[in-house]
Amino acid sequence: MYIDGSLAMARKEIVLKAMTFIETAYPQFFRTLPDNMINGMTQTWAEMFADTDEKLFRYAVKNYVANDTKGYPPTIGQINEIIRRAQESPISEIEAWEMVRRALRNSCDYESAQKEYDKLPEEVRAPILKPSTLIEWANLDSNILNNTVSASYRRSYLEKRKRIEEQKALPQNVRNLLPINLLE
């Protein structure tokens, strides 16, 4: 296990309580599982949620149970999705594009483009966006800008957001193994 000593024990106890709650809510599923399987699940969940705030974790588990209509216990990914949705209200690709379009209005030279770029939220700065890109796009024909460039930017923005969300779902110790950190 990657988390240390008392933190590992505290986290395991939190997850054990959550697993007990889930087991009570889904008795049919857990009835036939051997103890070593439940212990393994608890260990895995403790590791995967090592960096997650306890209240947020408990909220996500209870939210899942309260809203489940299929009768199956949650997966780690489903709990991560509830946590992610609770933590942020992401900017849609359309809202992001509108922010970029506003930045284009004042991006006639590098200095002004840099100021506009710096005003944009980090997540709006998709991989294809740089101050020089703002200048280039500001000088394009409006049809090309509003159709081709807009579609390309929004697609790039959605891909970046998806990678960030996938990375946020990983525990910090696993993120540290990645060659790049999209969250920085």
C-alpha atoms as a PDB file:
ATOM      1  CA  MET A   1       0.000   0.000   0.000  1.00  0.00           C
ATOM      2  CA  TYR A   2       1.266   3.477  -0.879  1.00  0.00           C
ATOM      3  CA  ILE A   3      -0.122   5.493   2.033  1.00  0.00           C
ATOM      4  CA  ASP A   4       1.721   5.468   5.341  1.00  0.00           C
ATOM      5  CA  GLY A   5       1.053   4.346   8.891  1.00  0.00           C
ATOM      6  CA  SER A   6      -1.708   6.081  10.826  1.00  0.00           C
ATOM      7  CA  LEU A   7      -3.015   7.817   7.696  1.00  0.00           C
ATOM      8  CA  ALA A   8      -3.367   4.412   6.045  1.00  0.00           C
ATOM      9  CA  MET A   9      -5.220   3.035   9.058  1.00  0.00           C
ATOM     10  CA  ALA A  10      -7.510   6.066   9.293  1.00  0.00           C
ATOM     11  CA  ARG A  11      -8.257   5.910   5.575  1.00  0.00           C
ATOM     12  CA  LYS A  12      -8.902   2.175   5.765  1.00  0.00           C
ATOM     13  CA  GLU A  13     -11.337   2.702   8.650  1.00  0.00           C
ATOM     14  CA  ILE A  14     -13.216   5.368   6.662  1.00  0.00           C
ATOM     15  CA  VAL A  15     -13.425   3.072   3.653  1.00  0.00           C
ATOM     16  CA  LEU A  16     -14.393   0.118   5.857  1.00  0.00           C
ATOM     17  CA  LYS A  17     -17.322   2.162   7.217  1.00  0.00           C
ATOM     18  CA  ALA A  18     -18.324   3.071   3.661  1.00  0.00           C
ATOM     19  CA  MET A  19     -18.058  -0.575   2.570  1.00  0.00           C
ATOM     20  CA  THR A  20     -20.207  -1.617   5.524  1.00  0.00           C
ATOM     21  CA  PHE A  21     -22.750   1.003   4.487  1.00  0.00           C
ATOM     22  CA  ILE A  22     -22.675  -0.278   0.891  1.00  0.00           C
ATOM     23  CA  GLU A  23     -22.877  -3.896   2.066  1.00  0.00           C
ATOM     24  CA  THR A  24     -25.972  -3.045   4.108  1.00  0.00           C
ATOM     25  CA  ALA A  25     -27.554  -1.276   1.146  1.00  0.00           C
ATOM     26  CA  TYR A  26     -26.762  -4.160  -1.265  1.00  0.00           C
ATOM     27  CA  PRO A  27     -26.971  -7.356   0.832  1.00  0.00           C
ATOM     28  CA  GLN A  28     -27.635  -9.642  -2.149  1.00  0.00           C
ATOM     29  CA  PHE A  29     -24.384  -8.633  -3.842  1.00  0.00           C
ATOM     30  CA  PHE A  30     -22.175  -9.162  -0.791  1.00  0.00           C
ATOM     31  CA  ARG A  31     -23.866 -12.306   0.515  1.00  0.00           C
ATOM     32  CA  THR A  32     -21.694 -14.692  -1.500  1.00  0.00           C
ATOM     33  CA  LEU A  33     -18.407 -12.773  -1.424  1.00  0.00           C
ATOM     34  CA  PRO A  34     -15.682 -14.319   0.744  1.00  0.00           C
ATOM     35  CA  ASP A  35     -14.075 -12.158   3.441  1.00  0.00           C
ATOM     36  CA  ASN A  36     -10.741 -12.014   1.612  1.00  0.00           C
ATOM     37  CA  MET A  37     -12.519 -10.485  -1.411  1.00  0.00           C
ATOM     38  CA  ILE A  38     -14.184  -7.826   0.751  1.00  0.00           C
ATOM     39  CA  ASN A  39     -10.820  -7.119   2.456  1.00  0.00           C
ATOM     40  CA  GLY A  40      -9.179  -6.768  -0.960  1.00  0.00           C
ATOM     41  CA  MET A  41     -11.919  -4.403  -2.109  1.00  0.00           C
ATOM     42  CA  THR A  42     -11.487  -2.324   1.050  1.00  0.00           C
ATOM     43  CA  GLN A  43      -7.714  -2.158   0.519  1.00  0.00           C
ATOM     44  CA  THR A  44      -8.158  -1.107  -3.123  1.00  0.00           C
ATOM     45  CA  TRP A  45     -10.737   1.544  -2.262  1.00  0.00           C
ATOM     46  CA  ALA A  46      -8.529   2.887   0.564  1.00  0.00           C
ATOM     47  CA  GLU A  47      -5.653   3.269  -1.889  1.00  0.00           C
ATOM     48  CA  MET A  48      -7.744   4.819  -4.641  1.00  0.00           C
ATOM     49  CA  PHE A  49      -9.356   7.360  -2.294  1.00  0.00           C
ATOM     50  CA  ALA A  50      -6.226   8.073  -0.237  1.00  0.00           C
ATOM     51  CA  ASP A  51      -6.220  11.772  -1.230  1.00  0.00           C
ATOM     52  CA  THR A  52      -9.966  12.320  -1.096  1.00  0.00           C
ATOM     53  CA  ASP A  53     -11.573  14.464   1.560  1.00  0.00           C
ATOM     54  CA  GLU A  54     -13.454  12.223   4.007  1.00  0.00           C
ATOM     55  CA  LYS A  55     -16.695  14.239   3.911  1.00  0.00           C
ATOM     56  CA  LEU A  56     -16.668  14.341   0.121  1.00  0.00           C
ATOM     57  CA  PHE A  57     -16.048  10.592  -0.025  1.00  0.00           C
ATOM     58  CA  ARG A  58     -18.917   9.843   2.376  1.00  0.00           C
ATOM     59  CA  TYR A  59     -21.165  12.232   0.426  1.00  0.00           C
ATOM     60  CA  ALA A  60     -20.374  10.437  -2.844  1.00  0.00           C
ATOM     61  CA  VAL A  61     -21.086   6.975  -1.412  1.00  0.00           C
ATOM     62  CA  LYS A  62     -24.382   8.088   0.131  1.00  0.00           C
ATOM     63  CA  ASN A  63     -25.332  10.005  -3.010  1.00  0.00           C
ATOM     64  CA  TYR A  64     -24.778   6.888  -5.109  1.00  0.00           C
ATOM     65  CA  VAL A  65     -26.829   4.655  -2.804  1.00  0.00           C
ATOM     66  CA  ALA A  66     -29.641   7.219  -2.562  1.00  0.00           C
ATOM     67  CA  ASN A  67     -29.898   7.617  -6.342  1.00  0.00           C
ATOM     68  CA  ASP A  68     -29.196   4.077  -7.544  1.00  0.00           C
ATOM     69  CA  THR A  69     -32.052   2.514  -9.481  1.00  0.00           C
ATOM     70  CA  LYS A  70     -30.219  -0.535 -10.853  1.00  0.00           C
ATOM     71  CA  GLY A  71     -29.489  -2.348  -7.599  1.00  0.00           C
ATOM     72  CA  TYR A  72     -25.712  -2.731  -7.960  1.00  0.00           C
ATOM     73  CA  PRO A  73     -23.063  -1.372  -5.601  1.00  0.00           C
ATOM     74  CA  PRO A  74     -20.887   1.462  -6.895  1.00  0.00           C
ATOM     75  CA  THR A  75     -17.563   1.111  -8.623  1.00  0.00           C
ATOM     76  CA  ILE A  76     -14.564   3.284  -7.834  1.00  0.00           C
ATOM     77  CA  GLY A  77     -15.144   5.152 -11.100  1.00  0.00           C
ATOM     78  CA  GLN A  78     -18.763   5.902 -10.253  1.00  0.00           C
ATOM     79  CA  ILE A  79     -17.786   7.329  -6.861  1.00  0.00           C
ATOM     80  CA  ASN A  80     -15.011   9.371  -8.511  1.00  0.00           C
ATOM     81  CA  GLU A  81     -17.531  10.779 -10.985  1.00  0.00           C
ATOM     82  CA  ILE A  82     -19.836  11.929  -8.170  1.00  0.00           C
ATOM     83  CA  ILE A  83     -16.879  13.507  -6.363  1.00  0.00           C
ATOM     84  CA  ARG A  84     -15.735  15.265  -9.547  1.00  0.00           C
ATOM     85  CA  ARG A  85     -19.196  16.668 -10.236  1.00  0.00           C
ATOM     86  CA  ALA A  86     -19.500  17.876  -6.631  1.00  0.00           C
ATOM     87  CA  GLN A  87     -16.152  19.674  -6.724  1.00  0.00           C
ATOM     88  CA  GLU A  88     -16.424  21.670  -9.888  1.00  0.00           C
ATOM     89  CA  SER A  89     -18.691  23.224 -12.373  1.00  0.00           C
ATOM     90  CA  PRO A  90     -16.508  23.007 -15.472  1.00  0.00           C
ATOM     91  CA  ILE A  91     -16.632  25.586 -18.194  1.00  0.00           C
ATOM     92  CA  SER A  92     -18.419  24.155 -21.230  1.00  0.00           C
ATOM     93  CA  GLU A  93     -16.621  24.133 -24.570  1.00  0.00           C
ATOM     94  CA  ILE A  94     -19.036  26.794 -25.843  1.00  0.00           C
ATOM     95  CA  GLU A  95     -18.358  29.054 -22.834  1.00  0.00           C
ATOM     96  CA  ALA A  96     -14.614  28.499 -23.289  1.00  0.00           C
ATOM     97  CA  TRP A  97     -14.832  29.434 -26.968  1.00  0.00           C
ATOM     98  CA  GLU A  98     -16.767  32.603 -26.107  1.00  0.00           C
ATOM     99  CA  MET A  99     -13.998  33.594 -23.685  1.00  0.00           C
ATOM    100  CA  VAL A 100     -11.442  33.049 -26.438  1.00  0.00           C
ATOM    101  CA  ARG A 101     -13.521  35.099 -28.909  1.00  0.00           C
ATOM    102  CA  ARG A 102     -13.663  37.987 -26.433  1.00  0.00           C
ATOM    103  CA  ALA A 103      -9.890  37.750 -26.000  1.00  0.00           C
ATOM    104  CA  LEU A 104      -9.454  37.937 -29.771  1.00  0.00           C
ATOM    105  CA  ARG A 105     -11.043  41.401 -29.894  1.00  0.00           C
ATOM    106  CA  ASN A 106      -8.056  42.913 -28.084  1.00  0.00           C
ATOM    107  CA  SER A 107      -5.299  40.716 -29.516  1.00  0.00           C
ATOM    108  CA  CYS A 108      -3.869  42.911 -32.268  1.00  0.00           C
ATOM    109  CA  ASP A 109      -0.224  42.689 -31.112  1.00  0.00           C
ATOM    110  CA  TYR A 110       1.831  40.385 -28.927  1.00  0.00           C
ATOM    111  CA  GLU A 111       1.660  42.540 -25.786  1.00  0.00           C
ATOM    112  CA  SER A 112      -2.132  42.851 -25.842  1.00  0.00           C
ATOM    113  CA  ALA A 113      -2.519  39.183 -26.846  1.00  0.00           C
ATOM    114  CA  GLN A 114      -0.350  38.162 -23.865  1.00  0.00           C
ATOM    115  CA  LYS A 115      -2.536  40.237 -21.511  1.00  0.00           C
ATOM    116  CA  GLU A 116      -5.705  38.644 -22.920  1.00  0.00           C
ATOM    117  CA  TYR A 117      -4.166  35.174 -22.726  1.00  0.00           C
ATOM    118  CA  ASP A 118      -3.186  35.744 -19.079  1.00  0.00           C
ATOM    119  CA  LYS A 119      -6.792  36.725 -18.242  1.00  0.00           C
ATOM    120  CA  LEU A 120      -8.139  33.398 -19.526  1.00  0.00           C
ATOM    121  CA  PRO A 121      -8.747  30.638 -16.961  1.00  0.00           C
ATOM    122  CA  GLU A 122      -6.097  27.919 -17.098  1.00  0.00           C
ATOM    123  CA  GLU A 123      -8.526  25.299 -18.379  1.00  0.00           C
ATOM    124  CA  VAL A 124      -9.532  27.541 -21.314  1.00  0.00           C
ATOM    125  CA  ARG A 125      -5.930  27.653 -22.485  1.00  0.00           C
ATOM    126  CA  ALA A 126      -6.350  24.483 -24.528  1.00  0.00           C
ATOM    127  CA  PRO A 127      -3.205  22.840 -25.893  1.00  0.00           C
ATOM    128  CA  ILE A 128      -3.531  24.742 -29.166  1.00  0.00           C
ATOM    129  CA  LEU A 129      -3.900  28.200 -27.603  1.00  0.00           C
ATOM    130  CA  LYS A 130      -0.977  30.618 -27.139  1.00  0.00           C
ATOM    131  CA  PRO A 131      -0.749  34.425 -27.314  1.00  0.00           C
ATOM    132  CA  SER A 132       0.573  34.141 -30.880  1.00  0.00           C
ATOM    133  CA  THR A 133      -2.450  31.998 -31.746  1.00  0.00           C
ATOM    134  CA  LEU A 134      -4.744  34.762 -30.497  1.00  0.00           C
ATOM    135  CA  ILE A 135      -3.084  37.245 -32.876  1.00  0.00           C
ATOM    136  CA  GLU A 136      -3.347  34.806 -35.779  1.00  0.00           C
ATOM    137  CA  TRP A 137      -7.001  34.017 -35.096  1.00  0.00           C
ATOM    138  CA  ALA A 138      -7.882  37.685 -34.591  1.00  0.00           C
ATOM    139  CA  ASN A 139      -6.844  38.314 -38.201  1.00  0.00           C
ATOM    140  CA  LEU A 140      -8.837  35.456 -39.751  1.00  0.00           C
ATOM    141  CA  ASP A 141     -11.973  35.781 -41.811  1.00  0.00           C
ATOM    142  CA  SER A 142     -14.989  35.569 -39.464  1.00  0.00           C
ATOM    143  CA  ASN A 143     -16.483  32.577 -41.346  1.00  0.00           C
ATOM    144  CA  ILE A 144     -13.296  30.556 -40.945  1.00  0.00           C
ATOM    145  CA  LEU A 145     -12.965  31.657 -37.322  1.00  0.00           C
ATOM    146  CA  ASN A 146     -16.563  30.852 -36.381  1.00  0.00           C
ATOM    147  CA  ASN A 147     -16.667  27.506 -38.167  1.00  0.00           C
ATOM    148  CA  THR A 148     -13.333  25.760 -38.647  1.00  0.00           C
ATOM    149  CA  VAL A 149     -11.298  27.316 -35.843  1.00  0.00           C
ATOM    150  CA  SER A 150     -14.191  27.236 -33.397  1.00  0.00           C
ATOM    151  CA  ALA A 151     -14.804  23.526 -33.998  1.00  0.00           C
ATOM    152  CA  SER A 152     -11.102  22.703 -33.740  1.00  0.00           C
ATOM    153  CA  TYR A 153     -10.679  24.661 -30.508  1.00  0.00           C
ATOM    154  CA  ARG A 154     -13.774  23.165 -28.873  1.00  0.00           C
ATOM    155  CA  ARG A 155     -12.675  19.642 -29.782  1.00  0.00           C
ATOM    156  CA  SER A 156      -9.196  20.293 -28.360  1.00  0.00           C
ATOM    157  CA  TYR A 157     -10.707  21.824 -25.218  1.00  0.00           C
ATOM    158  CA  LEU A 158     -12.973  18.812 -24.626  1.00  0.00           C
ATOM    159  CA  GLU A 159     -10.058  16.390 -25.082  1.00  0.00           C
ATOM    160  CA  LYS A 160      -7.937  18.328 -22.599  1.00  0.00           C
ATOM    161  CA  ARG A 161     -10.791  18.450 -20.062  1.00  0.00           C
ATOM    162  CA  LYS A 162     -11.340  14.713 -20.404  1.00  0.00           C
ATOM    163  CA  ARG A 163      -7.634  13.989 -19.764  1.00  0.00           C
ATOM    164  CA  ILE A 164      -7.643  16.318 -16.748  1.00  0.00           C
ATOM    165  CA  GLU A 165     -10.749  14.624 -15.315  1.00  0.00           C
ATOM    166  CA  GLU A 166      -9.199  11.195 -15.806  1.00  0.00           C
ATOM    167  CA  GLN A 167      -6.026  12.364 -14.088  1.00  0.00           C
ATOM    168  CA  LYS A 168      -7.939  13.934 -11.181  1.00  0.00           C
ATOM    169  CA  ALA A 169      -9.618  10.575 -10.538  1.00  0.00           C
ATOM    170  CA  LEU A 170      -6.237   8.992  -9.766  1.00  0.00           C
ATOM    171  CA  PRO A 171      -4.692   9.105  -6.298  1.00  0.00           C
ATOM    172  CA  GLN A 172      -1.754  11.503  -5.988  1.00  0.00           C
ATOM    173  CA  ASN A 173       0.765   8.667  -5.656  1.00  0.00           C
ATOM    174  CA  VAL A 174      -0.337   7.314  -9.046  1.00  0.00           C
ATOM    175  CA  ARG A 175      -0.346  10.810 -10.609  1.00  0.00           C
ATOM    176  CA  ASN A 176       3.273  11.146  -9.500  1.00  0.00           C
ATOM    177  CA  LEU A 177       4.159   8.234 -11.810  1.00  0.00           C
ATOM    178  CA  LEU A 178       2.900  10.107 -14.893  1.00  0.00           C
ATOM    179  CA  PRO A 179       5.490  11.832 -17.108  1.00  0.00           C
ATOM    180  CA  ILE A 180       3.388  15.042 -17.200  1.00  0.00           C
ATOM    181  CA  ASN A 181       0.858  16.486 -14.792  1.00  0.00           C
ATOM    182  CA  LEU A 182      -2.042  18.137 -16.597  1.00  0.00           C
ATOM    183  CA  LEU A 183      -3.278  19.605 -13.323  1.00  0.00           C
ATOM    184  CA  GLU A 184      -0.336  22.010 -13.017  1.00  0.00           C
END
